Every structure is written in structure tokens, then in C-alpha cells.
């Protein structure tokens, strides 16, 4: 998807503009009155939520009635399977109320992997937290253990963030599809601007949840194919398209848009190659006469990957790295190609008078002494070269900042 289409996945304006704002101003006194009354009703709903937590069915019925009084009507379509313990729910992410409403309707445990804007009501739900310092294998083991021990299904939001549901779904993360349990997709159809106060302000808001058939991984599928199939089925149920845009790429595009808004006095084209004298690379000295080429792409995803590669390999030229990323679209593969000499870095300008230690580290190639015969040996050789590269990067950083 092009960068221009990424902008369509963002929620940019909450309130109408121009003459469309007049009906809102007329409705404002009534809306403010509804907010005050419904706040008291919601306080009673929270009390019921805690008092009836040990009777899930009664709690669900009472809370649905009280939420309807608050202007939030929850409508379900299809059959869920809450009695099946080894089951994972996945749902698209529209509003900050999604975790609370879904855990109320489906009696499940929310996997706490949501952006900060979605954590408003997460403390009201049963949670499974993921430690930030866990490795991927550690997180996967922790989730599998949670599936085994939990008495209710787990709920994942595989998009990893909120987007404009009317235009497309973000690319799914693979974690919930690696747990070797059936998946039940659940689509959420609600107003994107829904949060608690606006829900109280408008006369009524419908929160529609549609349960789709339970899906299992086929023997011929890998994790990525399974996740893509579930994403496609969920998108068809919502009547939208799937995208390859991840939540990280969407967040980066939003930051870029905010940055461009702050510097609107000097607009720049989306794709530019320019010379800069005040941003030397780590492997060069700050010489005003030496201009370093800075390369960007129209694809924010490539810009993110380019920055990640150059953080690890600061001597790599932007043009060469970007050209390889356009072919591989994988940071690890591009780093491997650079270390093994498959990427032509001859376009890199020579730094003026580098120190002996810098010269030694930047000309080091990190190649294996011989080509291993078996796949495990080749993988070990790759890990050793990556480790050597990381040690060299650390040494450069310590020398640059005078760290002993």
C-alpha cells in the first residue's frame, strides 16, 4: 500500500467542520445533560460489575441493560464457544472500549498487548501480561502456558493498534496463531470515535460483535499463511480490504505527519535525496566540508527498516541499503547480505582521516572462513558474524563517547 493510503487508515478529525458543526452546537445542552445522568448510571454499573463478578451470566445480562441506559447497546451475531477452554479469540481493534466490551460478552482473558490509548478500561478485565524483557520464544512459552492454565479463552487484538476500520485491517501479528489452538475470529463494528464520554454524549451507540466460525490451522499452512487466512476472513466479514501495513508502520506515519505539521513552513517532497553537512554518520568525523547523502523512501515501512539497518551498520550507504531492502523487505536478510558482501557499498564516501580503530572496524568484513556444509553450521556461522558485527558497533560507540 502506498504512503498516501496509509494516511487513510488514520483518524485525523473527530469533530465536523464548518457549517456541519452547527447541529452539534444545538444538541450540546441535551448532550451535556445526558453525560451527567449517565455518569451516575455508569458508576452503579461498575458496582454491579464487581459485585457479580462470580456469576458471569447474571453479570453480563445486568450490565447490558445498564449499558443500554448509558446509550451503549451491545448486539451480538453468531455463536461463540465460551465453554471451550482451549480457544483463542481474535478481533479487530476499533475503540478504547473494545477489551472491556468483548471480555464482558465473551468472558475471556485479554492479552495485554495494546497501545497506551487502549488501556483506559483494561484494568477492569482479566489480563495476561507480556513482559517487555521477554524474548520471542519466552513470550510464546508464556502464552502457551496461559492457554493451558486459563479457565476461559484468551482474547487477542492481532492488529496491535487501532485504525480506520472502514478502509482496511492492519497486518496481523503472528503470536496468537502460534499457540496450536483453534481460533475464533470476532468482528467489531462500531463508531471509531467511541469512547466513554462521547458514548454518554450521543443519544445511542450500537456496538456490534459478530462471531465467525472457529478456524484451525491446516497441515499445509505455516503460521504466516494461517494468520493471513484469518485476516482475510475477518476482512470479508467486515466488508473491508486487508493491508500489509503493520501497527508500527502506521505509528511511524502518524509521527511523520505530526512532524511535517510542525515544519509546515518548509514543506519537503515525500521522497527526497539531499545532502546534509550537520548529520555525520557514526563512522565519520563532523567535517562541514564532508556532505553525507541521506536517502528516504515514499514507503514509511522501508524508512523504518533503513533506519534499523543503519543503526546496526552505520557505515552502510543509504542508497545501497534501500535498494536491497526494496528487494528483500527484511532487515535481517539485508544485514546478512551486507555482512556477506552481496550489497555493493562502493557509493559510500570515504571519511576524512579516520582513527586507526575506526578504520580497522569499518573495513572488517565478518565473513566466515569457509562455507559450512550443513544448515545448522551455516546458521551458527551467521549468528557468529552477527555477534562480531554487534561487538564492533559497541566498540565504535564506546570510543565515540569516551566510555571505557
Protein backbone atom coordinates (compact mmCIF):
# COMPACT_ATOMS: atom_id res chain seq x y z
CA UNK A 1 0.00 0.00 0.00
CA UNK A 2 1.35 3.41 -0.90
CA UNK A 3 2.17 6.03 1.65
CA UNK A 4 -0.85 8.08 0.63
CA UNK A 5 -3.13 5.19 1.51
CA UNK A 6 -1.55 4.85 4.93
CA UNK A 7 -2.93 8.28 5.69
CA UNK A 8 -6.43 6.92 5.04
CA UNK A 9 -6.01 4.43 7.90
CA UNK A 10 -5.59 7.26 10.40
CA UNK A 11 -8.33 9.02 12.37
CA UNK A 12 -7.50 12.66 11.73
CA UNK A 13 -10.64 14.63 12.61
CA UNK A 14 -13.03 13.91 15.46
CA UNK A 15 -15.39 16.87 15.12
CA UNK A 16 -17.14 18.18 12.00
CA UNK A 17 -16.00 21.41 10.41
CA UNK A 18 -17.72 24.47 9.03
CA UNK A 19 -21.50 24.54 8.87
CA UNK A 20 -21.68 20.85 9.87
CA UNK A 21 -20.72 21.97 13.37
CA UNK A 22 -23.99 23.91 13.86
CA UNK A 23 -26.21 20.86 14.63
CA UNK A 24 -23.68 19.78 17.23
CA UNK A 25 -23.84 23.17 18.93
CA UNK A 26 -27.65 22.98 19.01
CA UNK A 27 -27.51 19.48 20.54
CA UNK A 28 -24.82 20.45 23.07
CA UNK A 29 -27.13 21.27 26.07
CA UNK A 30 -29.04 17.98 25.75
CA UNK A 31 -25.82 16.03 25.26
CA UNK A 32 -24.25 17.59 28.35
CA UNK A 33 -27.31 16.63 30.42
CA UNK A 34 -27.12 13.04 29.17
CA UNK A 35 -23.44 12.87 30.12
CA UNK A 36 -24.17 13.92 33.71
CA UNK A 37 -27.06 11.47 34.18
CA UNK A 38 -25.27 8.58 32.52
CA UNK A 39 -22.14 9.08 34.62
CA UNK A 40 -24.19 8.22 37.73
CA UNK A 41 -25.70 5.18 35.98
CA UNK A 42 -22.24 4.03 34.91
CA UNK A 43 -21.00 4.29 38.49
CA UNK A 44 -23.74 1.85 39.51
CA UNK A 45 -22.80 -0.38 36.57
CA UNK A 46 -19.23 -0.60 37.85
CA UNK A 47 -20.53 -1.54 41.28
CA UNK A 48 -22.62 -4.34 39.74
CA UNK A 49 -19.59 -5.42 37.71
CA UNK A 50 -17.53 -6.07 40.84
CA UNK A 51 -20.36 -7.49 42.98
CA UNK A 52 -21.48 -10.03 40.36
CA UNK A 53 -18.05 -11.00 39.04
CA UNK A 54 -18.51 -14.54 40.41
CA UNK A 55 -21.75 -15.01 38.39
CA UNK A 56 -20.70 -14.22 34.80
CA UNK A 57 -24.07 -14.85 33.13
CA UNK A 58 -26.07 -12.65 35.53
CA UNK A 59 -23.34 -10.03 35.40
CA UNK A 60 -23.49 -9.93 31.61
CA UNK A 61 -27.29 -9.55 31.47
CA UNK A 62 -27.46 -6.81 34.12
CA UNK A 63 -24.57 -4.86 32.62
CA UNK A 64 -26.05 -4.99 29.13
CA UNK A 65 -29.24 -3.40 30.46
CA UNK A 66 -27.34 -0.72 32.36
CA UNK A 67 -25.10 -0.01 29.37
CA UNK A 68 -28.20 0.42 27.21
CA UNK A 69 -29.38 3.10 29.65
CA UNK A 70 -25.96 4.73 29.22
CA UNK A 71 -26.50 4.79 25.46
CA UNK A 72 -24.29 1.83 24.57
CA UNK A 73 -26.22 -1.07 23.08
CA UNK A 74 -24.23 -4.28 22.59
CA UNK A 75 -25.54 -6.51 19.78
CA UNK A 76 -24.08 -9.97 19.05
CA UNK A 77 -24.41 -12.06 15.91
CA UNK A 78 -23.37 -15.69 15.58
CA UNK A 79 -22.46 -18.25 18.21
CA UNK A 80 -19.35 -18.08 20.35
CA UNK A 81 -17.89 -21.07 22.14
CA UNK A 82 -17.09 -19.77 25.62
CA UNK A 83 -17.26 -23.29 27.07
CA UNK A 84 -14.29 -24.40 25.01
CA UNK A 85 -11.31 -23.67 27.22
CA UNK A 86 -8.52 -24.21 24.70
CA UNK A 87 -9.67 -21.48 22.35
CA UNK A 88 -8.31 -18.12 21.26
CA UNK A 89 -10.47 -15.18 20.20
CA UNK A 90 -9.05 -12.65 17.74
CA UNK A 91 -10.80 -9.38 16.90
CA UNK A 92 -10.19 -6.18 15.01
CA UNK A 93 -9.46 -3.10 17.11
CA UNK A 94 -11.72 -0.06 16.72
CA UNK A 95 -12.20 1.71 20.05
CA UNK A 96 -10.73 2.03 23.52
CA UNK A 97 -13.76 0.15 24.89
CA UNK A 98 -13.08 -2.99 22.82
CA UNK A 99 -11.28 -5.01 25.53
CA UNK A 100 -13.88 -4.24 28.19
CA UNK A 101 -16.93 -4.95 26.00
CA UNK A 102 -15.53 -8.14 24.49
CA UNK A 103 -14.38 -9.56 27.82
CA UNK A 104 -17.85 -8.81 29.19
CA UNK A 105 -19.67 -10.53 26.32
CA UNK A 106 -17.33 -13.49 25.81
CA UNK A 107 -16.00 -13.96 29.38
CA UNK A 108 -12.40 -14.22 28.23
CA UNK A 109 -8.96 -13.11 29.37
CA UNK A 110 -7.42 -10.19 27.49
CA UNK A 111 -3.79 -10.48 26.43
CA UNK A 112 -2.33 -7.13 27.43
CA UNK A 113 -0.54 -6.12 24.24
CA UNK A 114 -2.37 -2.91 23.37
CA UNK A 115 -1.18 0.65 22.75
CA UNK A 116 -1.45 3.16 25.58
CA UNK A 117 -4.56 4.74 24.09
CA UNK A 118 -6.42 1.44 24.52
CA UNK A 119 -5.59 0.87 28.16
CA UNK A 120 -8.34 3.12 29.57
CA UNK A 121 -10.51 0.19 30.73
CA UNK A 122 -8.05 -2.68 30.57
CA UNK A 123 -7.74 -2.79 34.37
CA UNK A 124 -11.40 -3.87 34.52
CA UNK A 125 -10.65 -7.03 32.52
CA UNK A 126 -8.92 -10.27 33.34
CA UNK A 127 -5.44 -9.92 31.90
CA UNK A 128 -2.43 -11.87 30.77
CA UNK A 129 0.54 -9.52 30.74
CA UNK A 130 3.56 -9.87 28.50
CA UNK A 131 6.87 -8.79 29.98
CA UNK A 132 8.78 -6.36 27.78
CA UNK A 133 12.11 -8.05 28.51
CA UNK A 134 10.95 -11.49 27.33
CA UNK A 135 12.37 -12.98 24.16
CA UNK A 136 10.02 -14.15 21.41
CA UNK A 137 10.42 -17.75 22.50
CA UNK A 138 9.80 -16.74 26.11
CA UNK A 139 6.61 -14.88 25.21
CA UNK A 140 5.37 -17.83 23.14
CA UNK A 141 6.04 -20.26 26.00
CA UNK A 142 4.28 -17.91 28.45
CA UNK A 143 1.22 -17.65 26.18
CA UNK A 144 1.01 -21.42 25.68
CA UNK A 145 1.20 -21.89 29.43
CA UNK A 146 -1.58 -19.30 29.88
CA UNK A 147 -3.78 -21.15 27.38
CA UNK A 148 -3.27 -24.38 29.32
CA UNK A 149 -3.94 -22.85 32.75
CA UNK A 150 -6.69 -20.35 31.95
CA UNK A 151 -10.27 -21.47 32.59
CA UNK A 152 -11.57 -19.11 29.88
CA UNK A 153 -10.36 -18.42 26.32
CA UNK A 154 -7.73 -15.76 25.59
CA UNK A 155 -8.55 -12.63 23.60
CA UNK A 156 -6.00 -11.12 21.19
CA UNK A 157 -6.08 -7.98 19.07
CA UNK A 158 -3.59 -9.12 16.40
CA UNK A 159 -3.56 -5.76 14.60
CA UNK A 160 -1.61 -4.31 17.52
CA UNK A 161 -3.30 -0.91 17.23
CA UNK A 162 -6.38 0.97 16.13
CA UNK A 163 -7.03 2.03 12.54
CA UNK A 164 -9.81 3.22 10.28
CA UNK A 165 -11.88 0.03 10.15
CA UNK A 166 -13.92 1.33 7.20
CA UNK A 167 -10.89 1.15 4.88
CA UNK A 168 -8.84 -1.87 5.91
CA UNK A 169 -7.30 -4.10 8.56
CA UNK A 170 -3.71 -3.74 9.70
CA UNK A 171 -1.38 -6.68 9.19
CA UNK A 172 -1.90 -9.34 11.86
CA UNK A 173 0.83 -10.29 14.31
CA UNK A 174 1.66 -13.98 14.34
CA UNK A 175 1.66 -14.69 18.10
CA UNK A 176 -1.95 -15.90 18.59
CA UNK A 177 -1.58 -18.21 15.57
CA UNK A 178 1.46 -19.97 17.06
CA UNK A 179 -0.41 -21.37 20.09
CA UNK A 180 -1.64 -24.54 18.33
CA UNK A 181 -5.27 -23.99 19.39
CA UNK A 182 -8.44 -23.21 17.41
CA UNK A 183 -9.05 -19.55 16.51
CA UNK A 184 -12.46 -17.87 16.56
CA UNK A 185 -12.48 -14.54 14.69
CA UNK A 186 -14.83 -11.87 16.09
CA UNK A 187 -15.55 -8.71 14.13
CA UNK A 188 -16.34 -5.40 15.84
CA UNK A 189 -18.49 -2.87 14.06
CA UNK A 190 -18.83 0.42 15.89
CA UNK A 191 -18.16 4.13 15.56
CA UNK A 192 -14.41 4.75 15.51
CA UNK A 193 -14.68 7.78 17.78
CA UNK A 194 -16.35 5.78 20.53
CA UNK A 195 -15.01 6.46 23.99
CA UNK A 196 -16.84 6.72 27.27
CA UNK A 197 -17.73 10.42 27.30
CA UNK A 198 -18.80 10.55 23.66
CA UNK A 199 -20.85 7.40 24.21
CA UNK A 200 -22.65 9.23 27.02
CA UNK A 201 -23.00 12.35 24.89
CA UNK A 202 -24.73 10.91 21.82
CA UNK A 203 -28.30 9.55 22.07
CA UNK A 204 -27.39 5.92 21.31
CA UNK A 205 -24.39 3.96 20.04
CA UNK A 206 -24.50 0.40 18.72
CA UNK A 207 -21.59 -1.92 19.43
CA UNK A 208 -21.99 -4.92 17.11
CA UNK A 209 -19.99 -8.11 17.66
CA UNK A 210 -20.14 -10.88 15.05
CA UNK A 211 -18.75 -14.32 15.88
CA UNK A 212 -17.34 -16.20 12.91
CA UNK A 213 -16.72 -19.95 12.58
CA UNK A 214 -13.83 -21.41 14.55
CA UNK A 215 -10.76 -21.72 12.34
CA UNK A 216 -7.91 -24.22 12.70
CA UNK A 217 -4.52 -24.28 11.05
CA UNK A 218 -4.25 -26.65 8.10
CA UNK A 219 -1.42 -29.14 7.88
CA UNK A 220 -0.12 -27.48 4.71
CA UNK A 221 -0.07 -23.97 6.27
CA UNK A 222 2.66 -22.19 8.17
CA UNK A 223 1.98 -19.54 10.81
CA UNK A 224 2.07 -16.62 8.38
CA UNK A 225 -0.36 -18.29 5.97
CA UNK A 226 -2.72 -19.17 8.82
CA UNK A 227 -2.67 -15.58 10.11
CA UNK A 228 -3.23 -14.24 6.59
CA UNK A 229 -6.22 -16.57 6.06
CA UNK A 230 -7.85 -15.50 9.34
CA UNK A 231 -7.19 -11.84 8.49
CA UNK A 232 -8.79 -12.29 5.06
CA UNK A 233 -11.87 -14.00 6.53
CA UNK A 234 -12.25 -11.27 9.15
CA UNK A 235 -11.88 -8.56 6.50
CA UNK A 236 -14.55 -10.21 4.34
CA UNK A 237 -16.90 -10.28 7.32
CA UNK A 238 -16.34 -6.55 7.82
CA UNK A 239 -16.53 -5.77 4.11
CA UNK A 240 -13.07 -4.18 4.00
CA UNK A 241 -9.71 -4.99 2.47
CA UNK A 242 -6.62 -6.47 4.08
CA UNK A 243 -3.38 -4.50 4.13
CA UNK A 244 0.29 -5.25 4.69
CA UNK A 245 0.63 -2.17 6.92
CA UNK A 246 1.65 -3.01 10.48
CA UNK A 247 0.78 -1.00 13.58
CA UNK A 248 4.42 0.12 13.86
CA UNK A 249 4.35 1.49 10.31
CA UNK A 250 1.07 3.29 10.99
CA UNK A 251 2.52 4.83 14.15
CA UNK A 252 5.60 5.95 12.23
CA UNK A 253 3.42 7.54 9.55
CA UNK A 254 1.43 9.40 12.22
CA UNK A 255 4.67 10.70 13.76
CA UNK A 256 5.89 11.82 10.34
CA UNK A 257 2.61 13.62 9.71
CA UNK A 258 2.85 15.39 13.06
CA UNK A 259 6.46 16.35 12.33
CA UNK A 260 5.51 17.72 8.91
CA UNK A 261 2.73 19.74 10.51
CA UNK A 262 5.22 21.33 12.90
CA UNK A 263 7.51 22.20 10.00
CA UNK A 264 4.82 23.23 7.52
CA UNK A 265 6.70 26.44 6.75
CA UNK A 266 9.29 24.38 4.85
CA UNK A 267 7.43 21.52 3.15
CA UNK A 268 9.50 18.80 1.53
CA UNK A 269 8.55 16.15 -1.05
CA UNK A 270 7.64 12.68 0.19
CA UNK A 271 10.72 11.17 -1.46
CA UNK A 272 13.93 13.16 -1.32
CA UNK A 273 17.64 12.64 -1.61
CA UNK A 274 19.52 15.53 -0.12
CA UNK A 275 22.96 16.42 1.22
CA UNK A 276 23.45 17.33 4.84
CA UNK A 277 26.61 18.61 6.50
CA UNK A 278 25.33 18.67 10.06
CA UNK A 279 24.39 14.97 10.37
CA UNK A 280 27.56 12.90 10.05
CA UNK A 281 27.39 9.14 10.41
CA UNK A 282 28.90 7.32 13.34
CA UNK A 283 31.84 6.23 11.27
CA UNK A 284 32.89 9.75 10.15
CA UNK A 285 34.02 12.98 11.75
CA UNK A 286 31.93 16.12 11.88
CA UNK A 287 33.55 17.95 8.96
CA UNK A 288 31.37 20.64 7.31
CA UNK A 289 33.17 20.06 4.03
CA UNK A 290 32.13 16.44 4.01
CA UNK A 291 28.48 16.06 2.99
CA UNK A 292 26.75 12.78 3.74
CA UNK A 293 23.97 11.57 1.49
CA UNK A 294 20.65 11.00 3.28
CA UNK A 295 18.14 8.80 1.47
CA UNK A 296 14.45 8.36 2.20
CA UNK A 297 11.65 6.45 0.50
CA UNK A 298 7.99 7.11 -0.16
CA UNK A 299 7.23 3.92 1.79
CA UNK A 300 7.36 4.56 5.58
CA UNK A 301 7.97 0.84 6.17
CA UNK A 302 11.18 1.00 4.15
CA UNK A 303 12.26 4.12 6.05
CA UNK A 304 11.84 2.26 9.34
CA UNK A 305 13.84 -0.74 8.09
CA UNK A 306 16.51 1.56 6.60
CA UNK A 307 16.98 3.29 9.94
CA UNK A 308 17.20 -0.07 11.74
CA UNK A 309 19.90 -1.32 9.37
CA UNK A 310 21.92 1.90 9.64
CA UNK A 311 21.72 1.82 13.44
CA UNK A 312 23.47 -1.56 13.32
CA UNK A 313 25.73 -0.82 10.33
CA UNK A 314 26.36 2.94 10.33
CA UNK A 315 28.95 2.65 7.55
CA UNK A 316 26.36 1.27 5.09
CA UNK A 317 25.25 3.78 2.46
CA UNK A 318 21.59 4.68 2.29
CA UNK A 319 21.22 4.09 -1.45
CA UNK A 320 22.66 0.58 -1.32
CA UNK A 321 20.70 -0.42 1.80
CA UNK A 322 17.43 0.97 0.43
CA UNK A 323 17.92 -0.83 -2.88
CA UNK A 324 18.44 -4.15 -1.09
CA UNK A 325 15.51 -3.54 1.28
CA UNK A 326 13.21 -2.94 -1.69
CA UNK A 327 14.12 -6.43 -2.88
CA UNK A 328 14.13 -8.29 0.45
CA UNK A 329 11.81 -6.19 2.68
CA UNK A 330 13.55 -7.85 5.64
CA UNK A 331 16.04 -6.19 7.99
CA UNK A 332 17.84 -9.41 8.97
CA UNK A 333 18.25 -10.56 5.37
CA UNK A 334 19.63 -7.17 4.31
CA UNK A 335 22.11 -7.12 7.22
CA UNK A 336 23.22 -10.62 6.27
CA UNK A 337 23.63 -9.58 2.62
CA UNK A 338 25.79 -6.61 3.68
CA UNK A 339 27.96 -8.69 6.01
CA UNK A 340 28.47 -11.36 3.37
CA UNK A 341 29.40 -8.81 0.69
CA UNK A 342 26.33 -9.22 -1.52
CA UNK A 343 25.48 -5.49 -1.31
CA UNK A 344 27.65 -3.02 -3.25
CA UNK A 345 28.73 -0.28 -0.84
CA UNK A 346 31.12 1.47 -3.24
CA UNK A 347 28.92 4.56 -3.32
CA UNK A 348 29.93 5.35 0.26
CA UNK A 349 32.13 8.50 0.54
CA UNK A 350 35.41 7.87 2.31
CA UNK A 351 35.54 9.51 5.76
CA UNK A 352 38.39 12.03 6.16
CA UNK A 353 41.27 10.76 8.28
CA UNK A 354 39.52 8.11 10.39
CA UNK A 355 41.20 6.87 13.53
CA UNK A 356 43.05 3.58 13.39
CA UNK A 357 40.43 1.74 15.46
CA UNK A 358 37.59 3.13 13.34
CA UNK A 359 39.39 2.16 10.14
CA UNK A 360 40.01 -1.33 11.43
CA UNK A 361 36.38 -1.89 12.44
CA UNK A 362 34.80 -0.33 9.37
CA UNK A 363 36.90 -2.36 6.94
CA UNK A 364 36.29 -5.61 8.79
CA UNK A 365 34.11 -7.93 6.67
CA UNK A 366 32.88 -10.51 9.24
CA UNK A 367 32.96 -13.33 6.67
CA UNK A 368 33.16 -17.00 7.51
CA UNK A 369 36.49 -18.73 6.90
CA UNK A 370 34.78 -21.43 4.85
CA UNK A 371 31.28 -22.24 3.62
CA UNK A 372 29.61 -24.69 6.08
CA UNK A 373 28.21 -27.88 4.60
CA UNK A 374 25.14 -28.30 6.83
CA UNK A 375 22.26 -25.91 7.56
CA UNK A 376 22.86 -25.82 11.37
CA UNK A 377 26.51 -24.95 10.77
CA UNK A 378 25.54 -22.19 8.33
CA UNK A 379 23.04 -20.77 10.85
CA UNK A 380 25.70 -20.85 13.59
CA UNK A 381 28.14 -19.09 11.26
CA UNK A 382 25.55 -16.37 10.62
CA UNK A 383 24.97 -15.88 14.34
CA UNK A 384 28.72 -15.63 14.94
CA UNK A 385 29.09 -12.97 12.24
CA UNK A 386 26.16 -11.01 13.65
CA UNK A 387 27.71 -11.18 17.12
CA UNK A 388 31.04 -9.95 15.77
CA UNK A 389 29.28 -7.11 13.99
CA UNK A 390 27.43 -6.10 17.16
CA UNK A 391 30.67 -6.15 19.18
CA UNK A 392 32.30 -3.88 16.60
CA UNK A 393 29.34 -1.48 16.75
CA UNK A 394 29.57 -1.37 20.56
CA UNK A 395 33.30 -0.65 20.36
CA UNK A 396 32.69 2.25 17.96
CA UNK A 397 30.02 3.66 20.23
CA UNK A 398 32.26 3.45 23.32
CA UNK A 399 35.15 5.12 21.50
CA UNK A 400 32.94 7.89 20.14
CA UNK A 401 31.51 8.74 23.58
CA UNK A 402 34.65 8.07 25.60
CA UNK A 403 33.20 5.13 27.50
CA UNK A 404 35.90 2.86 28.99
